[in-house]
Amino acid sequence: MIGKLLGHNKIETTSRYAHLARDSIKASSARVADSIGADILNAPAPTETAPA
């Protein structure tokens, strides 16, 4: 499907260029994970509500 979106007729063409994106995907996922971790660590403590 990605190959078709890129206009590739053969899977080999898509495979040839797929390795170029791996490093940027790893870097992006690390940034997202760091951001989520920071948000979790800085989140206010949940408050308990008394039963009604």
PDB file of N, CA and C in Angstrom:
ATOM      1  N   MET A   1       0.818  -1.183   0.000  1.00  0.00           N
ATOM      2  CA  MET A   1       0.000   0.000   0.000  1.00  0.00           C
ATOM      3  C   MET A   1       0.868   1.255   0.000  1.00  0.00           C
ATOM      4  N   ILE A   2       1.907   1.293   0.826  1.00  0.00           N
ATOM      5  CA  ILE A   2       2.784   2.461   0.870  1.00  0.00           C
ATOM      6  C   ILE A   2       3.442   2.666  -0.486  1.00  0.00           C
ATOM      7  N   GLY A   3       3.884   1.564  -1.090  1.00  0.00           N
ATOM      8  CA  GLY A   3       4.513   1.657  -2.404  1.00  0.00           C
ATOM      9  C   GLY A   3       3.585   2.273  -3.444  1.00  0.00           C
ATOM     10  N   LYS A   4       2.334   1.894  -3.403  1.00  0.00           N
ATOM     11  CA  LYS A   4       1.372   2.453  -4.350  1.00  0.00           C
ATOM     12  C   LYS A   4       1.178   3.941  -4.101  1.00  0.00           C
ATOM     13  N   LEU A   5       1.113   4.331  -2.819  1.00  0.00           N
ATOM     14  CA  LEU A   5       0.975   5.752  -2.505  1.00  0.00           C
ATOM     15  C   LEU A   5       2.178   6.553  -2.998  1.00  0.00           C
ATOM     16  N   LEU A   6       3.344   5.918  -2.982  1.00  0.00           N
ATOM     17  CA  LEU A   6       4.562   6.573  -3.443  1.00  0.00           C
ATOM     18  C   LEU A   6       4.743   6.480  -4.949  1.00  0.00           C
ATOM     19  N   GLY A   7       3.861   5.757  -5.602  1.00  0.00           N
ATOM     20  CA  GLY A   7       3.950   5.618  -7.052  1.00  0.00           C
ATOM     21  C   GLY A   7       4.880   4.517  -7.518  1.00  0.00           C
ATOM     22  N   HIS A   8       5.236   3.593  -6.621  1.00  0.00           N
ATOM     23  CA  HIS A   8       6.119   2.486  -6.991  1.00  0.00           C
ATOM     24  C   HIS A   8       5.300   1.358  -7.608  1.00  0.00           C
ATOM     25  N   ASN A   9       5.810   0.801  -8.678  1.00  0.00           N
ATOM     26  CA  ASN A   9       5.145  -0.337  -9.319  1.00  0.00           C
ATOM     27  C   ASN A   9       5.593  -1.669  -8.737  1.00  0.00           C
ATOM     28  N   LYS A  10       6.788  -1.699  -8.165  1.00  0.00           N
ATOM     29  CA  LYS A  10       7.348  -2.946  -7.644  1.00  0.00           C
ATOM     30  C   LYS A  10       7.652  -2.802  -6.163  1.00  0.00           C
ATOM     31  N   ILE A  11       7.429  -3.874  -5.400  1.00  0.00           N
ATOM     32  CA  ILE A  11       7.740  -3.888  -3.973  1.00  0.00           C
ATOM     33  C   ILE A  11       9.235  -3.690  -3.738  1.00  0.00           C
ATOM     34  N   GLU A  12      10.051  -4.127  -4.676  1.00  0.00           N
ATOM     35  CA  GLU A  12      11.499  -3.982  -4.547  1.00  0.00           C
ATOM     36  C   GLU A  12      11.895  -2.515  -4.465  1.00  0.00           C
ATOM     37  N   THR A  13      11.197  -1.662  -5.191  1.00  0.00           N
ATOM     38  CA  THR A  13      11.502  -0.233  -5.169  1.00  0.00           C
ATOM     39  C   THR A  13      11.226   0.343  -3.791  1.00  0.00           C
ATOM     40  N   THR A  14      10.100  -0.019  -3.216  1.00  0.00           N
ATOM     41  CA  THR A  14       9.758   0.455  -1.877  1.00  0.00           C
ATOM     42  C   THR A  14      10.757  -0.086  -0.863  1.00  0.00           C
ATOM     43  N   SER A  15      11.109  -1.345  -0.979  1.00  0.00           N
ATOM     44  CA  SER A  15      12.057  -1.967  -0.055  1.00  0.00           C
ATOM     45  C   SER A  15      13.422  -1.287  -0.115  1.00  0.00           C
ATOM     46  N   ARG A  16      13.817  -0.871  -1.279  1.00  0.00           N
ATOM     47  CA  ARG A  16      15.121  -0.230  -1.460  1.00  0.00           C
ATOM     48  C   ARG A  16      15.222   1.039  -0.618  1.00  0.00           C
ATOM     49  N   TYR A  17      14.130   1.781  -0.509  1.00  0.00           N
ATOM     50  CA  TYR A  17      14.162   3.058   0.193  1.00  0.00           C
ATOM     51  C   TYR A  17      13.665   2.974   1.633  1.00  0.00           C
ATOM     52  N   ALA A  18      13.102   1.865   2.030  1.00  0.00           N
ATOM     53  CA  ALA A  18      12.521   1.741   3.371  1.00  0.00           C
ATOM     54  C   ALA A  18      13.556   1.915   4.468  1.00  0.00           C
ATOM     55  N   HIS A  19      14.760   1.441   4.254  1.00  0.00           N
ATOM     56  CA  HIS A  19      15.791   1.538   5.294  1.00  0.00           C
ATOM     57  C   HIS A  19      16.170   2.980   5.603  1.00  0.00           C
ATOM     58  N   LEU A  20      15.931   3.887   4.693  1.00  0.00           N
ATOM     59  CA  LEU A  20      16.293   5.283   4.906  1.00  0.00           C
ATOM     60  C   LEU A  20      15.453   5.931   6.000  1.00  0.00           C
ATOM     61  N   ALA A  21      14.249   5.418   6.225  1.00  0.00           N
ATOM     62  CA  ALA A  21      13.345   6.017   7.203  1.00  0.00           C
ATOM     63  C   ALA A  21      13.518   5.437   8.602  1.00  0.00           C
ATOM     64  N   ARG A  22      14.216   4.329   8.749  1.00  0.00           N
ATOM     65  CA  ARG A  22      14.292   3.654  10.039  1.00  0.00           C
ATOM     66  C   ARG A  22      14.875   4.536  11.140  1.00  0.00           C
ATOM     67  N   ASP A  23      15.970   5.226  10.848  1.00  0.00           N
ATOM     68  CA  ASP A  23      16.600   6.053  11.874  1.00  0.00           C
ATOM     69  C   ASP A  23      15.692   7.198  12.306  1.00  0.00           C
ATOM     70  N   SER A  24      15.012   7.813  11.357  1.00  0.00           N
ATOM     71  CA  SER A  24      14.132   8.919  11.727  1.00  0.00           C
ATOM     72  C   SER A  24      12.922   8.414  12.509  1.00  0.00           C
ATOM     73  N   ILE A  25      12.454   7.217  12.211  1.00  0.00           N
ATOM     74  CA  ILE A  25      11.338   6.642  12.964  1.00  0.00           C
ATOM     75  C   ILE A  25      11.775   6.354  14.397  1.00  0.00           C
ATOM     76  N   LYS A  26      12.972   5.793  14.561  1.00  0.00           N
ATOM     77  CA  LYS A  26      13.474   5.517  15.911  1.00  0.00           C
ATOM     78  C   LYS A  26      13.635   6.817  16.696  1.00  0.00           C
ATOM     79  N   ALA A  27      14.179   7.841  16.064  1.00  0.00           N
ATOM     80  CA  ALA A  27      14.376   9.121  16.751  1.00  0.00           C
ATOM     81  C   ALA A  27      13.039   9.740  17.125  1.00  0.00           C
ATOM     82  N   SER A  28      12.083   9.669  16.217  1.00  0.00           N
ATOM     83  CA  SER A  28      10.760  10.234  16.496  1.00  0.00           C
ATOM     84  C   SER A  28      10.072   9.502  17.627  1.00  0.00           C
ATOM     85  N   SER A  29      10.148   8.180  17.622  1.00  0.00           N
ATOM     86  CA  SER A  29       9.484   7.413  18.683  1.00  0.00           C
ATOM     87  C   SER A  29      10.158   7.663  20.029  1.00  0.00           C
ATOM     88  N   ALA A  30      11.470   7.884  20.038  1.00  0.00           N
ATOM     89  CA  ALA A  30      12.164   8.199  21.290  1.00  0.00           C
ATOM     90  C   ALA A  30      11.708   9.552  21.831  1.00  0.00           C
ATOM     91  N   ARG A  31      11.534  10.541  20.937  1.00  0.00           N
ATOM     92  CA  ARG A  31      11.053  11.854  21.379  1.00  0.00           C
ATOM     93  C   ARG A  31       9.643  11.761  21.944  1.00  0.00           C
ATOM     94  N   VAL A  32       8.784  10.977  21.301  1.00  0.00           N
ATOM     95  CA  VAL A  32       7.411  10.812  21.785  1.00  0.00           C
ATOM     96  C   VAL A  32       7.424  10.126  23.154  1.00  0.00           C
ATOM     97  N   ALA A  33       8.224   9.082  23.286  1.00  0.00           N
ATOM     98  CA  ALA A  33       8.307   8.365  24.564  1.00  0.00           C
ATOM     99  C   ALA A  33       8.819   9.276  25.670  1.00  0.00           C
ATOM    100  N   ASP A  34       9.823  10.087  25.369  1.00  0.00           N
ATOM    101  CA  ASP A  34      10.346  11.024  26.369  1.00  0.00           C
ATOM    102  C   ASP A  34       9.281  12.038  26.775  1.00  0.00           C
ATOM    103  N   SER A  35       8.530  12.513  25.820  1.00  0.00           N
ATOM    104  CA  SER A  35       7.481  13.491  26.096  1.00  0.00           C
ATOM    105  C   SER A  35       6.379  12.889  26.972  1.00  0.00           C
ATOM    106  N   ILE A  36       5.966  11.682  26.637  1.00  0.00           N
ATOM    107  CA  ILE A  36       4.934  11.006  27.431  1.00  0.00           C
ATOM    108  C   ILE A  36       5.448  10.753  28.849  1.00  0.00           C
ATOM    109  N   GLY A  37       6.681  10.302  28.956  1.00  0.00           N
ATOM    110  CA  GLY A  37       7.265  10.052  30.266  1.00  0.00           C
ATOM    111  C   GLY A  37       7.319  11.318  31.106  1.00  0.00           C
ATOM    112  N   ALA A  38       7.707  12.429  30.503  1.00  0.00           N
ATOM    113  CA  ALA A  38       7.757  13.700  31.226  1.00  0.00           C
ATOM    114  C   ALA A  38       6.364  14.110  31.677  1.00  0.00           C
ATOM    115  N   ASP A  39       5.377  13.922  30.810  1.00  0.00           N
ATOM    116  CA  ASP A  39       3.999  14.272  31.171  1.00  0.00           C
ATOM    117  C   ASP A  39       3.507  13.421  32.343  1.00  0.00           C
ATOM    118  N   ILE A  40       3.845  12.159  32.339  1.00  0.00           N
ATOM    119  CA  ILE A  40       3.413  11.264  33.414  1.00  0.00           C
ATOM    120  C   ILE A  40       4.077  11.666  34.732  1.00  0.00           C
ATOM    121  N   LEU A  41       5.369  11.965  34.676  1.00  0.00           N
ATOM    122  CA  LEU A  41       6.094  12.332  35.895  1.00  0.00           C
ATOM    123  C   LEU A  41       5.645  13.681  36.451  1.00  0.00           C
ATOM    124  N   ASN A  42       5.183  14.576  35.581  1.00  0.00           N
ATOM    125  CA  ASN A  42       4.782  15.919  36.016  1.00  0.00           C
ATOM    126  C   ASN A  42       3.282  16.068  36.206  1.00  0.00           C
ATOM    127  N   ALA A  43       2.548  14.990  36.026  1.00  0.00           N
ATOM    128  CA  ALA A  43       1.092  15.060  36.159  1.00  0.00           C
ATOM    129  C   ALA A  43       0.714  15.222  37.624  1.00  0.00           C
ATOM    130  N   PRO A  44      -0.323  16.005  37.895  1.00  0.00           N
ATOM    131  CA  PRO A  44      -0.779  16.138  39.287  1.00  0.00           C
ATOM    132  C   PRO A  44      -1.327  14.801  39.789  1.00  0.00           C
ATOM    133  N   ALA A  45      -1.191  14.589  41.054  1.00  0.00           N
ATOM    134  CA  ALA A  45      -1.694  13.361  41.661  1.00  0.00           C
ATOM    135  C   ALA A  45      -3.222  13.320  41.532  1.00  0.00           C
ATOM    136  N   PRO A  46      -3.773  12.152  41.224  1.00  0.00           N
ATOM    137  CA  PRO A  46      -5.228  12.059  41.116  1.00  0.00           C
ATOM    138  C   PRO A  46      -5.868  12.302  42.480  1.00  0.00           C
ATOM    139  N   THR A  47      -7.029  12.927  42.440  1.00  0.00           N
ATOM    140  CA  THR A  47      -7.742  13.175  43.697  1.00  0.00           C
ATOM    141  C   THR A  47      -8.796  12.106  43.879  1.00  0.00           C
ATOM    142  N   GLU A  48      -8.964  11.708  45.134  1.00  0.00           N
ATOM    143  CA  GLU A  48      -9.993  10.712  45.430  1.00  0.00           C
ATOM    144  C   GLU A  48     -11.300  11.424  45.712  1.00  0.00           C
ATOM    145  N   THR A  49     -12.361  10.847  45.247  1.00  0.00           N
ATOM    146  CA  THR A  49     -13.680  11.401  45.550  1.00  0.00           C
ATOM    147  C   THR A  49     -14.384  10.472  46.516  1.00  0.00           C
ATOM    148  N   ALA A  50     -15.095  11.062  47.424  1.00  0.00           N
ATOM    149  CA  ALA A  50     -15.831  10.272  48.406  1.00  0.00           C
ATOM    150  C   ALA A  50     -16.999   9.601  47.738  1.00  0.00           C
ATOM    151  N   PRO A  51     -17.326   8.374  48.132  1.00  0.00           N
ATOM    152  CA  PRO A  51     -18.487   7.698  47.548  1.00  0.00           C
ATOM    153  C   PRO A  51     -19.756   8.504  47.830  1.00  0.00           C
ATOM    154  N   ALA A  52     -20.648   8.501  46.894  1.00  0.00           N
ATOM    155  CA  ALA A  52     -21.890   9.288  47.030  1.00  0.00           C
ATOM    156  C   ALA A  52     -22.893   8.632  47.914  1.00  0.00           C
TER     157      ALA A  52
END
